[in-house]
Amino acid sequence: MTVLTAYRVLAYVTGTVLLVLVCVAMPLKYLGDNPEPTSVIGQVHGFLFAVYALCVLLLAYVRRWTLGKAVLVVLAGTIPFVTFYAERKVAAAEAGRTAAPEGRARDGARG
């Protein structure tokens, strides 16, 4: 699995869990006086977001993104629906790009 594929999967999973948190768990907490789903789904989202952020940083390193682009893509994971938009934009931008194979030394050494 490439870093780009891992990013795409994590973007969808993180975005979906965020939507469940915001659209299901939060209303249950504030309208239904039931905080349990928020605590469980919130912890799941927190863990997934941390993994997502690490994956974005790894992708940014491998594809040599600017710091600003990496930060914006990480922040996209915090806003409902924006994760999906950012994933499509990143996938489209990276589709035509060629990069050094993952796992190879960046200084051009052959292994």
Protein backbone atom coordinates (compact mmCIF):
# COMPACT_ATOMS: atom_id res chain seq x y z
CA MET A 1 0.00 0.00 0.00
CA THR A 2 1.38 3.38 -0.96
CA VAL A 3 1.31 6.40 1.31
CA LEU A 4 -1.17 8.06 -1.05
CA THR A 5 -3.53 5.07 -0.81
CA ALA A 6 -3.22 5.03 2.99
CA TYR A 7 -3.99 8.75 3.05
CA ARG A 8 -7.06 8.31 0.85
CA VAL A 9 -8.44 5.50 3.02
CA LEU A 10 -7.77 7.38 6.26
CA ALA A 11 -9.33 10.56 4.84
CA TYR A 12 -12.57 8.72 4.09
CA VAL A 13 -12.64 6.86 7.40
CA THR A 14 -11.77 9.95 9.45
CA GLY A 15 -14.30 12.07 7.58
CA THR A 16 -17.03 9.49 8.03
CA VAL A 17 -16.39 9.11 11.76
CA LEU A 18 -16.37 12.90 12.12
CA LEU A 19 -19.76 13.08 10.42
CA VAL A 20 -21.13 10.39 12.73
CA LEU A 21 -19.76 12.34 15.70
CA VAL A 22 -21.27 15.64 14.59
CA CYS A 23 -24.54 14.41 13.07
CA VAL A 24 -25.42 11.55 15.44
CA ALA A 25 -23.44 11.61 18.69
CA MET A 26 -23.56 15.36 19.35
CA PRO A 27 -27.35 15.64 18.88
CA LEU A 28 -27.77 12.62 21.15
CA LYS A 29 -25.66 14.35 23.78
CA TYR A 30 -27.31 17.76 23.66
CA LEU A 31 -30.85 16.95 22.56
CA GLY A 32 -31.24 13.47 24.02
CA ASP A 33 -29.19 13.94 27.20
CA ASN A 34 -27.09 10.87 26.32
CA PRO A 35 -23.33 11.63 26.46
CA GLU A 36 -22.07 8.05 26.02
CA PRO A 37 -21.96 7.97 22.19
CA THR A 38 -20.04 11.25 22.14
CA SER A 39 -17.35 9.94 24.46
CA VAL A 40 -16.89 6.69 22.52
CA ILE A 41 -17.09 8.13 19.00
CA GLY A 42 -15.03 11.15 20.08
CA GLN A 43 -12.20 8.91 21.26
CA VAL A 44 -12.34 6.88 18.04
CA HIS A 45 -12.23 10.06 15.98
CA GLY A 46 -9.36 11.42 18.06
CA PHE A 47 -7.28 8.31 17.47
CA LEU A 48 -8.12 8.19 13.77
CA PHE A 49 -7.36 11.89 13.37
CA ALA A 50 -3.92 11.42 14.94
CA VAL A 51 -3.17 8.57 12.51
CA TYR A 52 -4.57 10.67 9.65
CA ALA A 53 -2.35 13.61 10.60
CA LEU A 54 0.75 11.38 10.71
CA CYS A 55 -0.17 9.92 7.35
CA VAL A 56 -0.57 13.41 5.86
CA LEU A 57 2.82 14.42 7.24
CA LEU A 58 4.43 11.30 5.79
CA LEU A 59 2.78 11.97 2.42
CA ALA A 60 3.94 15.58 2.58
CA TYR A 61 7.50 14.40 3.26
CA VAL A 62 7.50 11.80 0.47
CA ARG A 63 5.90 14.14 -2.08
CA ARG A 64 7.85 17.20 -0.86
CA TRP A 65 4.87 19.40 -0.14
CA THR A 66 5.20 22.85 1.35
CA LEU A 67 4.47 23.19 5.05
CA GLY A 68 1.40 25.28 4.27
CA LYS A 69 -0.13 22.60 2.06
CA ALA A 70 0.52 19.92 4.69
CA VAL A 71 -1.09 22.03 7.42
CA LEU A 72 -4.15 22.77 5.28
CA VAL A 73 -4.65 19.09 4.45
CA VAL A 74 -4.33 18.15 8.14
CA LEU A 75 -6.82 20.87 9.10
CA ALA A 76 -9.24 19.55 6.48
CA GLY A 77 -9.72 16.54 8.77
CA THR A 78 -11.30 18.75 11.41
CA ILE A 79 -14.19 20.16 9.37
CA PRO A 80 -17.12 17.94 8.35
CA PHE A 81 -17.25 17.23 4.59
CA VAL A 82 -14.01 19.13 3.90
CA THR A 83 -11.99 15.93 4.41
CA PHE A 84 -13.69 14.42 1.36
CA TYR A 85 -13.09 17.52 -0.76
CA ALA A 86 -9.42 17.69 0.25
CA GLU A 87 -8.94 13.99 -0.48
CA ARG A 88 -10.26 14.42 -4.02
CA LYS A 89 -8.08 17.47 -4.62
CA VAL A 90 -4.95 15.76 -3.28
CA ALA A 91 -5.64 12.56 -5.24
CA ALA A 92 -6.15 14.53 -8.46
CA ALA A 93 -3.03 16.61 -7.92
CA GLU A 94 -0.88 13.60 -7.08
CA ALA A 95 -2.25 11.32 -9.81
CA GLY A 96 -0.18 12.86 -12.57
CA ARG A 97 2.86 13.46 -10.44
CA THR A 98 5.75 11.07 -10.36
CA ALA A 99 7.83 10.77 -7.24
CA ALA A 100 10.77 8.70 -6.13
CA PRO A 101 9.70 5.21 -5.06
CA GLU A 102 8.86 5.00 -1.40
CA GLY A 103 11.48 3.41 0.78
CA ARG A 104 14.40 4.58 -1.32
CA ALA A 105 16.97 6.98 0.01
CA ARG A 106 16.17 10.56 -0.91
CA ASP A 107 19.78 11.36 -1.81
CA GLY A 108 19.65 9.17 -4.90
CA ALA A 109 21.52 6.21 -3.40
CA ARG A 110 20.47 2.87 -4.79
CA GLY A 111 19.60 0.05 -2.48
